[in-house]
PDB file of N, CA and C in Angstrom:
ATOM      1  N   MET A   1      99.223 121.231  92.940  1.00  0.00           N
ATOM      2  CA  MET A   1      98.125 120.534  92.327  1.00  0.00           C
ATOM      3  C   MET A   1      97.654 121.283  91.075  1.00  0.00           C
ATOM      4  N   MET A   2      97.557 122.600  91.139  1.00  0.00           N
ATOM      5  CA  MET A   2      97.118 123.387  89.992  1.00  0.00           C
ATOM      6  C   MET A   2      98.123 123.256  88.856  1.00  0.00           C
ATOM      7  N   THR A   3      99.402 123.297  89.177  1.00  0.00           N
ATOM      8  CA  THR A   3     100.432 123.202  88.144  1.00  0.00           C
ATOM      9  C   THR A   3     100.375 121.852  87.451  1.00  0.00           C
ATOM     10  N   GLN A   4     100.120 120.790  88.185  1.00  0.00           N
ATOM     11  CA  GLN A   4     100.053 119.464  87.580  1.00  0.00           C
ATOM     12  C   GLN A   4      98.911 119.361  86.586  1.00  0.00           C
ATOM     13  N   SER A   5      97.877 120.148  86.772  1.00  0.00           N
ATOM     14  CA  SER A   5      96.726 120.097  85.884  1.00  0.00           C
ATOM     15  C   SER A   5      96.759 121.184  84.812  1.00  0.00           C
ATOM     16  N   ALA A   6      97.717 122.083  84.883  1.00  0.00           N
ATOM     17  CA  ALA A   6      97.797 123.185  83.933  1.00  0.00           C
ATOM     18  C   ALA A   6      98.348 122.714  82.592  1.00  0.00           C
ATOM     19  N   ILE A   7      97.941 123.422  81.543  1.00  0.00           N
ATOM     20  CA  ILE A   7      98.464 123.115  80.223  1.00  0.00           C
ATOM     21  C   ILE A   7      98.866 124.405  79.523  1.00  0.00           C
ATOM     22  N   THR A   8      99.733 124.288  78.547  1.00  0.00           N
ATOM     23  CA  THR A   8     100.092 125.385  77.671  1.00  0.00           C
ATOM     24  C   THR A   8      99.604 125.007  76.283  1.00  0.00           C
ATOM     25  N   LEU A   9      98.857 125.896  75.674  1.00  0.00           N
ATOM     26  CA  LEU A   9      98.322 125.622  74.349  1.00  0.00           C
ATOM     27  C   LEU A   9      99.326 126.076  73.288  1.00  0.00           C
ATOM     28  N   PRO A  10      99.337 125.401  72.137  1.00  0.00           N
ATOM     29  CA  PRO A  10     100.251 125.813  71.068  1.00  0.00           C
ATOM     30  C   PRO A  10      99.815 127.154  70.478  1.00  0.00           C
ATOM     31  N   GLU A  11     100.775 127.876  69.891  1.00  0.00           N
ATOM     32  CA  GLU A  11     100.473 129.178  69.307  1.00  0.00           C
ATOM     33  C   GLU A  11      99.856 129.066  67.917  1.00  0.00           C
ATOM     34  N   THR A  12      99.971 127.901  67.301  1.00  0.00           N
ATOM     35  CA  THR A  12      99.436 127.704  65.960  1.00  0.00           C
ATOM     36  C   THR A  12      98.223 126.766  66.020  1.00  0.00           C
ATOM     37  N   PRO A  13      97.332 126.834  65.037  1.00  0.00           N
ATOM     38  CA  PRO A  13      96.161 125.946  65.031  1.00  0.00           C
ATOM     39  C   PRO A  13      96.569 124.467  65.011  1.00  0.00           C
ATOM     40  N   VAL A  14      95.726 123.631  65.618  1.00  0.00           N
ATOM     41  CA  VAL A  14      95.982 122.194  65.647  1.00  0.00           C
ATOM     42  C   VAL A  14      94.806 121.462  65.020  1.00  0.00           C
ATOM     43  N   LYS A  15      95.083 120.240  64.566  1.00  0.00           N
ATOM     44  CA  LYS A  15      94.015 119.385  64.044  1.00  0.00           C
ATOM     45  C   LYS A  15      93.997 118.100  64.868  1.00  0.00           C
ATOM     46  N   LYS A  16      92.931 117.348  64.752  1.00  0.00           N
ATOM     47  CA  LYS A  16      92.765 116.119  65.518  1.00  0.00           C
ATOM     48  C   LYS A  16      93.996 115.226  65.350  1.00  0.00           C
ATOM     49  N   GLY A  17      94.542 114.762  66.479  1.00  0.00           N
ATOM     50  CA  GLY A  17      95.719 113.896  66.478  1.00  0.00           C
ATOM     51  C   GLY A  17      97.033 114.629  66.679  1.00  0.00           C
ATOM     52  N   ASP A  18      97.048 115.973  66.559  1.00  0.00           N
ATOM     53  CA  ASP A  18      98.284 116.741  66.780  1.00  0.00           C
ATOM     54  C   ASP A  18      98.673 116.693  68.257  1.00  0.00           C
ATOM     55  N   SER A  19      99.982 116.603  68.520  1.00  0.00           N
ATOM     56  CA  SER A  19     100.510 116.557  69.892  1.00  0.00           C
ATOM     57  C   SER A  19     101.550 117.644  70.096  1.00  0.00           C
ATOM     58  N   TRP A  20     101.740 118.030  71.359  1.00  0.00           N
ATOM     59  CA  TRP A  20     102.783 118.975  71.746  1.00  0.00           C
ATOM     60  C   TRP A  20     103.184 118.679  73.185  1.00  0.00           C
ATOM     61  N   GLU A  21     104.330 119.198  73.583  1.00  0.00           N
ATOM     62  CA  GLU A  21     104.879 118.943  74.923  1.00  0.00           C
ATOM     63  C   GLU A  21     104.848 120.222  75.754  1.00  0.00           C
ATOM     64  N   THR A  22     104.633 120.074  77.052  1.00  0.00           N
ATOM     65  CA  THR A  22     104.726 121.198  77.983  1.00  0.00           C
ATOM     66  C   THR A  22     105.563 120.779  79.178  1.00  0.00           C
ATOM     67  N   LYS A  23     106.111 121.767  79.862  1.00  0.00           N
ATOM     68  CA  LYS A  23     106.910 121.486  81.055  1.00  0.00           C
ATOM     69  C   LYS A  23     106.703 122.624  82.052  1.00  0.00           C
ATOM     70  N   GLN A  24     106.397 122.254  83.307  1.00  0.00           N
ATOM     71  CA  GLN A  24     106.286 123.217  84.395  1.00  0.00           C
ATOM     72  C   GLN A  24     107.181 122.770  85.534  1.00  0.00           C
ATOM     73  N   SER A  25     107.720 123.746  86.262  1.00  0.00           N
ATOM     74  CA  SER A  25     108.548 123.446  87.434  1.00  0.00           C
ATOM     75  C   SER A  25     107.942 124.118  88.655  1.00  0.00           C
ATOM     76  N   VAL A  26     107.998 123.397  89.780  1.00  0.00           N
ATOM     77  CA  VAL A  26     107.487 123.908  91.044  1.00  0.00           C
ATOM     78  C   VAL A  26     108.610 123.806  92.065  1.00  0.00           C
ATOM     79  N   GLU A  27     108.950 124.939  92.676  1.00  0.00           N
ATOM     80  CA  GLU A  27     109.975 124.955  93.722  1.00  0.00           C
ATOM     81  C   GLU A  27     109.351 124.521  95.047  1.00  0.00           C
ATOM     82  N   LEU A  28     109.960 123.524  95.686  1.00  0.00           N
ATOM     83  CA  LEU A  28     109.526 123.018  96.976  1.00  0.00           C
ATOM     84  C   LEU A  28     110.661 123.218  97.973  1.00  0.00           C
ATOM     85  N   PRO A  29     110.397 123.152  99.276  1.00  0.00           N
ATOM     86  CA  PRO A  29     111.460 123.370 100.269  1.00  0.00           C
ATOM     87  C   PRO A  29     112.635 122.390 100.133  1.00  0.00           C
ATOM     88  N   PHE A  30     112.404 121.200  99.602  1.00  0.00           N
ATOM     89  CA  PHE A  30     113.444 120.177  99.516  1.00  0.00           C
ATOM     90  C   PHE A  30     113.943 119.928  98.097  1.00  0.00           C
ATOM     91  N   GLY A  31     113.381 120.635  97.094  1.00  0.00           N
ATOM     92  CA  GLY A  31     113.835 120.426  95.722  1.00  0.00           C
ATOM     93  C   GLY A  31     112.892 121.027  94.700  1.00  0.00           C
ATOM     94  N   THR A  32     113.128 120.688  93.448  1.00  0.00           N
ATOM     95  CA  THR A  32     112.303 121.181  92.348  1.00  0.00           C
ATOM     96  C   THR A  32     111.562 120.017  91.706  1.00  0.00           C
ATOM     97  N   MET A  33     110.246 120.147  91.637  1.00  0.00           N
ATOM     98  CA  MET A  33     109.435 119.144  90.970  1.00  0.00           C
ATOM     99  C   MET A  33     109.168 119.643  89.543  1.00  0.00           C
ATOM    100  N   THR A  34     109.441 118.778  88.551  1.00  0.00           N
ATOM    101  CA  THR A  34     109.212 119.118  87.155  1.00  0.00           C
ATOM    102  C   THR A  34     108.136 118.194  86.592  1.00  0.00           C
ATOM    103  N   ILE A  35     107.116 118.814  86.011  1.00  0.00           N
ATOM    104  CA  ILE A  35     106.022 118.060  85.418  1.00  0.00           C
ATOM    105  C   ILE A  35     106.109 118.240  83.904  1.00  0.00           C
ATOM    106  N   SER A  36     106.357 117.151  83.191  1.00  0.00           N
ATOM    107  CA  SER A  36     106.398 117.161  81.732  1.00  0.00           C
ATOM    108  C   SER A  36     105.146 116.456  81.234  1.00  0.00           C
ATOM    109  N   SER A  37     104.484 117.062  80.257  1.00  0.00           N
ATOM    110  CA  SER A  37     103.241 116.477  79.747  1.00  0.00           C
ATOM    111  C   SER A  37     103.231 116.435  78.232  1.00  0.00           C
ATOM    112  N   LYS A  38     102.721 115.329  77.712  1.00  0.00           N
ATOM    113  CA  LYS A  38     102.430 115.233  76.281  1.00  0.00           C
ATOM    114  C   LYS A  38     100.933 115.456  76.139  1.00  0.00           C
ATOM    115  N   LEU A  39     100.555 116.432  75.310  1.00  0.00           N
ATOM    116  CA  LEU A  39      99.156 116.763  75.099  1.00  0.00           C
ATOM    117  C   LEU A  39      98.784 116.422  73.665  1.00  0.00           C
ATOM    118  N   THR A  40      97.589 115.850  73.486  1.00  0.00           N
ATOM    119  CA  THR A  40      97.124 115.461  72.159  1.00  0.00           C
ATOM    120  C   THR A  40      95.695 115.952  71.966  1.00  0.00           C
ATOM    121  N   TYR A  41      95.486 116.707  70.889  1.00  0.00           N
ATOM    122  CA  TYR A  41      94.152 117.215  70.568  1.00  0.00           C
ATOM    123  C   TYR A  41      93.314 116.076  69.985  1.00  0.00           C
ATOM    124  N   GLN A  42      92.156 115.817  70.594  1.00  0.00           N
ATOM    125  CA  GLN A  42      91.291 114.707  70.194  1.00  0.00           C
ATOM    126  C   GLN A  42      90.068 115.143  69.397  1.00  0.00           C
ATOM    127  N   GLY A  43      89.952 116.438  69.095  1.00  0.00           N
ATOM    128  CA  GLY A  43      88.784 116.934  68.376  1.00  0.00           C
ATOM    129  C   GLY A  43      87.744 117.462  69.347  1.00  0.00           C
ATOM    130  N   VAL A  44      86.532 117.649  68.853  1.00  0.00           N
ATOM    131  CA  VAL A  44      85.446 118.197  69.668  1.00  0.00           C
ATOM    132  C   VAL A  44      84.743 117.058  70.406  1.00  0.00           C
ATOM    133  N   ASP A  45      84.609 117.223  71.717  1.00  0.00           N
ATOM    134  CA  ASP A  45      83.922 116.254  72.570  1.00  0.00           C
ATOM    135  C   ASP A  45      82.416 116.300  72.265  1.00  0.00           C
ATOM    136  N   SER A  46      81.846 115.158  71.909  1.00  0.00           N
ATOM    137  CA  SER A  46      80.445 115.117  71.472  1.00  0.00           C
ATOM    138  C   SER A  46      79.459 115.481  72.586  1.00  0.00           C
ATOM    139  N   SER A  47      79.772 115.174  73.832  1.00  0.00           N
ATOM    140  CA  SER A  47      78.811 115.440  74.909  1.00  0.00           C
ATOM    141  C   SER A  47      78.847 116.893  75.392  1.00  0.00           C
ATOM    142  N   SER A  48      79.992 117.573  75.271  1.00  0.00           N
ATOM    143  CA  SER A  48      80.094 118.940  75.794  1.00  0.00           C
ATOM    144  C   SER A  48      80.220 120.002  74.703  1.00  0.00           C
ATOM    145  N   GLY A  49      80.642 119.597  73.493  1.00  0.00           N
ATOM    146  CA  GLY A  49      80.882 120.561  72.425  1.00  0.00           C
ATOM    147  C   GLY A  49      82.195 121.311  72.578  1.00  0.00           C
ATOM    148  N   MET A  50      82.991 120.903  73.547  1.00  0.00           N
ATOM    149  CA  MET A  50      84.282 121.551  73.814  1.00  0.00           C
ATOM    150  C   MET A  50      85.409 120.797  73.125  1.00  0.00           C
ATOM    151  N   ALA A  51      86.512 121.491  72.884  1.00  0.00           N
ATOM    152  CA  ALA A  51      87.713 120.855  72.351  1.00  0.00           C
ATOM    153  C   ALA A  51      88.284 119.953  73.438  1.00  0.00           C
ATOM    154  N   ARG A  52      88.574 118.704  73.085  1.00  0.00           N
ATOM    155  CA  ARG A  52      89.107 117.736  74.061  1.00  0.00           C
ATOM    156  C   ARG A  52      90.603 117.549  73.821  1.00  0.00           C
ATOM    157  N   ILE A  53      91.365 117.657  74.910  1.00  0.00           N
ATOM    158  CA  ILE A  53      92.816 117.471  74.873  1.00  0.00           C
ATOM    159  C   ILE A  53      93.166 116.400  75.888  1.00  0.00           C
ATOM    160  N   ASP A  54      93.809 115.328  75.434  1.00  0.00           N
ATOM    161  CA  ASP A  54      94.277 114.288  76.357  1.00  0.00           C
ATOM    162  C   ASP A  54      95.676 114.644  76.834  1.00  0.00           C
ATOM    163  N   MET A  55      95.946 114.341  78.103  1.00  0.00           N
ATOM    164  CA  MET A  55      97.201 114.707  78.744  1.00  0.00           C
ATOM    165  C   MET A  55      97.873 113.456  79.304  1.00  0.00           C
ATOM    166  N   LYS A  56      99.180 113.325  79.101  1.00  0.00           N
ATOM    167  CA  LYS A  56      99.972 112.217  79.648  1.00  0.00           C
ATOM    168  C   LYS A  56     101.157 112.841  80.397  1.00  0.00           C
ATOM    169  N   PRO A  57     101.020 113.065  81.718  1.00  0.00           N
ATOM    170  CA  PRO A  57     102.091 113.708  82.485  1.00  0.00           C
ATOM    171  C   PRO A  57     103.085 112.716  83.088  1.00  0.00           C
ATOM    172  N   SER A  58     104.287 113.205  83.325  1.00  0.00           N
ATOM    173  CA  SER A  58     105.268 112.468  84.132  1.00  0.00           C
ATOM    174  C   SER A  58     105.955 113.480  85.042  1.00  0.00           C
ATOM    175  N   VAL A  59     106.374 113.009  86.210  1.00  0.00           N
ATOM    176  CA  VAL A  59     106.935 113.882  87.242  1.00  0.00           C
ATOM    177  C   VAL A  59     108.345 113.445  87.574  1.00  0.00           C
ATOM    178  N   ASN A  60     109.217 114.431  87.773  1.00  0.00           N
ATOM    179  CA  ASN A  60     110.594 114.181  88.181  1.00  0.00           C
ATOM    180  C   ASN A  60     110.925 115.135  89.326  1.00  0.00           C
ATOM    181  N   MET A  61     111.868 114.741  90.185  1.00  0.00           N
ATOM    182  CA  MET A  61     112.257 115.568  91.325  1.00  0.00           C
ATOM    183  C   MET A  61     113.766 115.755  91.338  1.00  0.00           C
ATOM    184  N   THR A  62     114.212 116.994  91.524  1.00  0.00           N
ATOM    185  CA  THR A  62     115.629 117.297  91.680  1.00  0.00           C
ATOM    186  C   THR A  62     115.824 117.843  93.088  1.00  0.00           C
ATOM    187  N   ALA A  63     116.683 117.205  93.885  1.00  0.00           N
ATOM    188  CA  ALA A  63     116.893 117.586  95.287  1.00  0.00           C
ATOM    189  C   ALA A  63     117.708 118.874  95.404  1.00  0.00           C
ATOM    190  N   LYS A  64     117.439 119.641  96.474  1.00  0.00           N
ATOM    191  CA  LYS A  64     118.236 120.823  96.801  1.00  0.00           C
ATOM    192  C   LYS A  64     119.452 120.394  97.596  1.00  0.00           C
ATOM    193  N   GLU A  65     120.560 121.083  97.389  1.00  0.00           N
ATOM    194  CA  GLU A  65     121.786 120.812  98.147  1.00  0.00           C
ATOM    195  C   GLU A  65     121.601 121.189  99.610  1.00  0.00           C
ATOM    196  N   GLY A  66     122.122 120.364 100.506  1.00  0.00           N
ATOM    197  CA  GLY A  66     122.150 120.671 101.927  1.00  0.00           C
ATOM    198  C   GLY A  66     120.841 120.504 102.671  1.00  0.00           C
ATOM    199  N   VAL A  67     119.851 119.923 102.049  1.00  0.00           N
ATOM    200  CA  VAL A  67     118.556 119.711 102.699  1.00  0.00           C
ATOM    201  C   VAL A  67     118.540 118.291 103.277  1.00  0.00           C
ATOM    202  N   PRO A  68     118.105 118.126 104.539  1.00  0.00           N
ATOM    203  CA  PRO A  68     118.158 116.800 105.174  1.00  0.00           C
ATOM    204  C   PRO A  68     117.143 115.786 104.630  1.00  0.00           C
ATOM    205  N   LEU A  69     116.254 116.226 103.758  1.00  0.00           N
ATOM    206  CA  LEU A  69     115.237 115.346 103.199  1.00  0.00           C
ATOM    207  C   LEU A  69     115.555 115.087 101.734  1.00  0.00           C
ATOM    208  N   SER A  70     115.500 113.823 101.329  1.00  0.00           N
ATOM    209  CA  SER A  70     115.709 113.453  99.932  1.00  0.00           C
ATOM    210  C   SER A  70     114.480 112.724  99.438  1.00  0.00           C
ATOM    211  N   LEU A  71     113.916 113.193  98.320  1.00  0.00           N
ATOM    212  CA  LEU A  71     112.753 112.556  97.727  1.00  0.00           C
ATOM    213  C   LEU A  71     113.091 112.242  96.279  1.00  0.00           C
ATOM    214  N   THR A  72     113.019 110.963  95.916  1.00  0.00           N
ATOM    215  CA  THR A  72     113.317 110.516  94.560  1.00  0.00           C
ATOM    216  C   THR A  72     112.064 109.900  93.966  1.00  0.00           C
ATOM    217  N   VAL A  73     111.670 110.386  92.781  1.00  0.00           N
ATOM    218  CA  VAL A  73     110.543 109.790  92.072  1.00  0.00           C
ATOM    219  C   VAL A  73     111.097 108.631  91.256  1.00  0.00           C
ATOM    220  N   VAL A  74     110.697 107.415  91.609  1.00  0.00           N
ATOM    221  CA  VAL A  74     111.156 106.209  90.936  1.00  0.00           C
ATOM    222  C   VAL A  74     110.359 105.977  89.658  1.00  0.00           C
ATOM    223  N   LYS A  75     109.042 106.226  89.738  1.00  0.00           N
ATOM    224  CA  LYS A  75     108.168 105.999  88.592  1.00  0.00           C
ATOM    225  C   LYS A  75     106.959 106.921  88.722  1.00  0.00           C
ATOM    226  N   SER A  76     106.534 107.474  87.598  1.00  0.00           N
ATOM    227  CA  SER A  76     105.293 108.254  87.611  1.00  0.00           C
ATOM    228  C   SER A  76     104.499 107.929  86.353  1.00  0.00           C
ATOM    229  N   GLU A  77     103.213 107.756  86.548  1.00  0.00           N
ATOM    230  CA  GLU A  77     102.292 107.470  85.449  1.00  0.00           C
ATOM    231  C   GLU A  77     101.048 108.318  85.651  1.00  0.00           C
ATOM    232  N   GLY A  78     100.533 108.831  84.558  1.00  0.00           N
ATOM    233  CA  GLY A  78      99.321 109.620  84.685  1.00  0.00           C
ATOM    234  C   GLY A  78      98.605 109.753  83.369  1.00  0.00           C
ATOM    235  N   LYS A  79      97.352 110.182  83.480  1.00  0.00           N
ATOM    236  CA  LYS A  79      96.575 110.500  82.294  1.00  0.00           C
ATOM    237  C   LYS A  79      95.512 111.499  82.711  1.00  0.00           C
ATOM    238  N   GLY A  80      95.116 112.300  81.748  1.00  0.00           N
ATOM    239  CA  GLY A  80      94.112 113.300  82.048  1.00  0.00           C
ATOM    240  C   GLY A  80      93.420 113.778  80.799  1.00  0.00           C
ATOM    241  N   THR A  81      92.375 114.567  81.008  1.00  0.00           N
ATOM    242  CA  THR A  81      91.598 115.146  79.925  1.00  0.00           C
ATOM    243  C   THR A  81      91.296 116.594  80.277  1.00  0.00           C
ATOM    244  N   VAL A  82      91.410 117.446  79.275  1.00  0.00           N
ATOM    245  CA  VAL A  82      91.083 118.855  79.421  1.00  0.00           C
ATOM    246  C   VAL A  82      90.022 119.192  78.384  1.00  0.00           C
ATOM    247  N   LEU A  83      88.972 119.899  78.814  1.00  0.00           N
ATOM    248  CA  LEU A  83      87.963 120.398  77.881  1.00  0.00           C
ATOM    249  C   LEU A  83      88.154 121.906  77.766  1.00  0.00           C
ATOM    250  N   PHE A  84      88.311 122.373  76.511  1.00  0.00           N
ATOM    251  CA  PHE A  84      88.630 123.777  76.254  1.00  0.00           C
ATOM    252  C   PHE A  84      87.512 124.417  75.443  1.00  0.00           C
ATOM    253  N   ASP A  85      87.013 125.540  75.949  1.00  0.00           N
ATOM    254  CA  ASP A  85      85.965 126.304  75.285  1.00  0.00           C
ATOM    255  C   ASP A  85      86.634 127.245  74.282  1.00  0.00           C
ATOM    256  N   THR A  86      86.606 126.878  73.004  1.00  0.00           N
ATOM    257  CA  THR A  86      87.293 127.678  71.981  1.00  0.00           C
ATOM    258  C   THR A  86      86.612 129.032  71.771  1.00  0.00           C
ATOM    259  N   ALA A  87      85.303 129.120  71.976  1.00  0.00           N
ATOM    260  CA  ALA A  87      84.585 130.383  71.780  1.00  0.00           C
ATOM    261  C   ALA A  87      84.995 131.432  72.816  1.00  0.00           C
ATOM    262  N   ASN A  88      85.234 130.983  74.061  1.00  0.00           N
ATOM    263  CA  ASN A  88      85.577 131.906  75.146  1.00  0.00           C
ATOM    264  C   ASN A  88      87.057 131.860  75.526  1.00  0.00           C
ATOM    265  N   GLY A  89      87.824 130.946  74.908  1.00  0.00           N
ATOM    266  CA  GLY A  89      89.267 130.888  75.159  1.00  0.00           C
ATOM    267  C   GLY A  89      89.644 130.487  76.567  1.00  0.00           C
ATOM    268  N   ARG A  90      88.957 129.483  77.127  1.00  0.00           N
ATOM    269  CA  ARG A  90      89.270 129.062  78.498  1.00  0.00           C
ATOM    270  C   ARG A  90      88.994 127.579  78.700  1.00  0.00           C
ATOM    271  N   ILE A  91      89.678 127.021  79.684  1.00  0.00           N
ATOM    272  CA  ILE A  91      89.456 125.631  80.078  1.00  0.00           C
ATOM    273  C   ILE A  91      88.181 125.582  80.915  1.00  0.00           C
ATOM    274  N   THR A  92      87.295 124.634  80.594  1.00  0.00           N
ATOM    275  CA  THR A  92      86.061 124.484  81.369  1.00  0.00           C
ATOM    276  C   THR A  92      86.118 123.308  82.332  1.00  0.00           C
ATOM    277  N   ARG A  93      86.967 122.330  82.026  1.00  0.00           N
ATOM    278  CA  ARG A  93      87.096 121.157  82.891  1.00  0.00           C
ATOM    279  C   ARG A  93      88.458 120.528  82.688  1.00  0.00           C
ATOM    280  N   SER A  94      89.017 120.021  83.794  1.00  0.00           N
ATOM    281  CA  SER A  94      90.289 119.307  83.758  1.00  0.00           C
ATOM    282  C   SER A  94      90.213 118.147  84.737  1.00  0.00           C
ATOM    283  N   ASP A  95      90.539 116.944  84.263  1.00  0.00           N
ATOM    284  CA  ASP A  95      90.566 115.749  85.110  1.00  0.00           C
ATOM    285  C   ASP A  95      91.942 115.113  84.967  1.00  0.00           C
ATOM    286  N   LEU A  96      92.550 114.746  86.093  1.00  0.00           N
ATOM    287  CA  LEU A  96      93.889 114.169  86.087  1.00  0.00           C
ATOM    288  C   LEU A  96      93.984 113.033  87.087  1.00  0.00           C
ATOM    289  N   SER A  97      94.564 111.927  86.644  1.00  0.00           N
ATOM    290  CA  SER A  97      94.859 110.784  87.506  1.00  0.00           C
ATOM    291  C   SER A  97      96.375 110.580  87.457  1.00  0.00           C
ATOM    292  N   LEU A  98      97.032 110.606  88.616  1.00  0.00           N
ATOM    293  CA  LEU A  98      98.488 110.516  88.675  1.00  0.00           C
ATOM    294  C   LEU A  98      98.916 109.563  89.783  1.00  0.00           C
ATOM    295  N   THR A  99      99.836 108.655  89.456  1.00  0.00           N
ATOM    296  CA  THR A  99     100.413 107.741  90.447  1.00  0.00           C
ATOM    297  C   THR A  99     101.924 107.915  90.429  1.00  0.00           C
ATOM    298  N   MET A 100     102.516 108.135  91.612  1.00  0.00           N
ATOM    299  CA  MET A 100     103.966 108.287  91.731  1.00  0.00           C
ATOM    300  C   MET A 100     104.512 107.316  92.761  1.00  0.00           C
ATOM    301  N   GLU A 101     105.563 106.599  92.383  1.00  0.00           N
ATOM    302  CA  GLU A 101     106.300 105.761  93.329  1.00  0.00           C
ATOM    303  C   GLU A 101     107.548 106.541  93.710  1.00  0.00           C
ATOM    304  N   MET A 102     107.758 106.720  95.017  1.00  0.00           N
ATOM    305  CA  MET A 102     108.851 107.556  95.508  1.00  0.00           C
ATOM    306  C   MET A 102     109.644 106.855  96.602  1.00  0.00           C
ATOM    307  N   VAL A 103     110.870 107.325  96.765  1.00  0.00           N
ATOM    308  CA  VAL A 103     111.704 106.910  97.889  1.00  0.00           C
ATOM    309  C   VAL A 103     112.040 108.182  98.668  1.00  0.00           C
ATOM    310  N   VAL A 104     111.677 108.196  99.960  1.00  0.00           N
ATOM    311  CA  VAL A 104     111.919 109.344 100.815  1.00  0.00           C
ATOM    312  C   VAL A 104     112.984 108.947 101.839  1.00  0.00           C
ATOM    313  N   LYS A 105     114.055 109.765 101.923  1.00  0.00           N
ATOM    314  CA  LYS A 105     115.117 109.511 102.909  1.00  0.00           C
ATOM    315  C   LYS A 105     115.255 110.726 103.816  1.00  0.00           C
ATOM    316  N   GLN A 106     115.221 110.456 105.126  1.00  0.00           N
ATOM    317  CA  GLN A 106     115.391 111.519 106.110  1.00  0.00           C
ATOM    318  C   GLN A 106     115.816 110.905 107.434  1.00  0.00           C
ATOM    319  N   PHE A 107     116.790 111.536 108.096  1.00  0.00           N
ATOM    320  CA  PHE A 107     117.287 111.105 109.405  1.00  0.00           C
ATOM    321  C   PHE A 107     117.690 109.632 109.420  1.00  0.00           C
ATOM    322  N   GLY A 108     118.312 109.158 108.339  1.00  0.00           N
ATOM    323  CA  GLY A 108     118.769 107.782 108.263  1.00  0.00           C
ATOM    324  C   GLY A 108     117.688 106.766 107.948  1.00  0.00           C
ATOM    325  N   GLN A 109     116.483 107.213 107.765  1.00  0.00           N
ATOM    326  CA  GLN A 109     115.362 106.332 107.456  1.00  0.00           C
ATOM    327  C   GLN A 109     115.047 106.402 105.959  1.00  0.00           C
ATOM    328  N   THR A 110     114.659 105.269 105.380  1.00  0.00           N
ATOM    329  CA  THR A 110     114.228 105.218 103.982  1.00  0.00           C
ATOM    330  C   THR A 110     112.812 104.668 103.950  1.00  0.00           C
ATOM    331  N   VAL A 111     111.932 105.408 103.265  1.00  0.00           N
ATOM    332  CA  VAL A 111     110.528 105.009 103.166  1.00  0.00           C
ATOM    333  C   VAL A 111     110.143 104.961 101.693  1.00  0.00           C
ATOM    334  N   ASN A 112     109.633 103.817 101.259  1.00  0.00           N
ATOM    335  CA  ASN A 112     109.069 103.700  99.915  1.00  0.00           C
ATOM    336  C   ASN A 112     107.609 104.118 100.002  1.00  0.00           C
ATOM    337  N   GLN A 113     107.194 104.978  99.096  1.00  0.00           N
ATOM    338  CA  GLN A 113     105.847 105.516  99.169  1.00  0.00           C
ATOM    339  C   GLN A 113     105.223 105.550  97.779  1.00  0.00           C
ATOM    340  N   THR A 114     103.939 105.232  97.707  1.00  0.00           N
ATOM    341  CA  THR A 114     103.189 105.362  96.470  1.00  0.00           C
ATOM    342  C   THR A 114     102.074 106.369  96.708  1.00  0.00           C
ATOM    343  N   LEU A 115     102.027 107.381  95.859  1.00  0.00           N
ATOM    344  CA  LEU A 115     101.030 108.439  95.963  1.00  0.00           C
ATOM    345  C   LEU A 115     100.092 108.340  94.767  1.00  0.00           C
ATOM    346  N   LYS A 116      98.795 108.229  95.049  1.00  0.00           N
ATOM    347  CA  LYS A 116      97.785 108.207  93.983  1.00  0.00           C
ATOM    348  C   LYS A 116      96.928 109.448  94.160  1.00  0.00           C
ATOM    349  N   GLN A 117      96.863 110.237  93.096  1.00  0.00           N
ATOM    350  CA  GLN A 117      96.164 111.515  93.166  1.00  0.00           C
ATOM    351  C   GLN A 117      95.135 111.626  92.040  1.00  0.00           C
ATOM    352  N   GLU A 118      93.920 111.994  92.393  1.00  0.00           N
ATOM    353  CA  GLU A 118      92.858 112.241  91.418  1.00  0.00           C
ATOM    354  C   GLU A 118      92.453 113.704  91.582  1.00  0.00           C
ATOM    355  N   THR A 119      92.535 114.477  90.497  1.00  0.00           N
ATOM    356  CA  THR A 119      92.208 115.899  90.545  1.00  0.00           C
ATOM    357  C   THR A 119      91.187 116.214  89.460  1.00  0.00           C
ATOM    358  N   SER A 120      90.105 116.884  89.853  1.00  0.00           N
ATOM    359  CA  SER A 120      89.129 117.368  88.903  1.00  0.00           C
ATOM    360  C   SER A 120      88.871 118.842  89.194  1.00  0.00           C
ATOM    361  N   MET A 121      88.894 119.641  88.145  1.00  0.00           N
ATOM    362  CA  MET A 121      88.592 121.066  88.280  1.00  0.00           C
ATOM    363  C   MET A 121      87.547 121.426  87.243  1.00  0.00           C
ATOM    364  N   VAL A 122      86.524 122.166  87.672  1.00  0.00           N
ATOM    365  CA  VAL A 122      85.440 122.573  86.777  1.00  0.00           C
ATOM    366  C   VAL A 122      85.246 124.079  86.927  1.00  0.00           C
ATOM    367  N   LEU A 123      85.175 124.786  85.799  1.00  0.00           N
ATOM    368  CA  LEU A 123      84.904 126.212  85.827  1.00  0.00           C
ATOM    369  C   LEU A 123      83.433 126.423  86.117  1.00  0.00           C
ATOM    370  N   SER A 124      83.124 127.157  87.167  1.00  0.00           N
ATOM    371  CA  SER A 124      81.730 127.437  87.513  1.00  0.00           C
ATOM    372  C   SER A 124      81.189 128.535  86.605  1.00  0.00           C
ATOM    373  N   PRO A 125      79.946 128.378  86.161  1.00  0.00           N
ATOM    374  CA  PRO A 125      79.362 129.406  85.274  1.00  0.00           C
ATOM    375  C   PRO A 125      79.128 130.721  85.986  1.00  0.00           C
TER     376      PRO A 125
END
């Protein structure tokens, strides 16, 4: 969950409308989940005074060899917002909405599953 909401900031300054890509991988017992995100700087958020970054993630799954469970991500859609405190160099808030359609196969059974996840993280003062 933390990895899905994490971002990598660019090393060079950005201006409103600039975008960049990030990718994180998470090792699971049955495979590797890869989260790719397009991030776009939206300028300073008027209500918080923080830098606002919009996030558009997608998730993919690669199965491990020899594992009796197979999980395939058929479709993933998401959107999120990150508020970044430029004065202190830290994220103060992150909100993410993610929907994944998956096919799970195990012991000869196939299950179609839709997972809807809402994640909010706030830095406590």
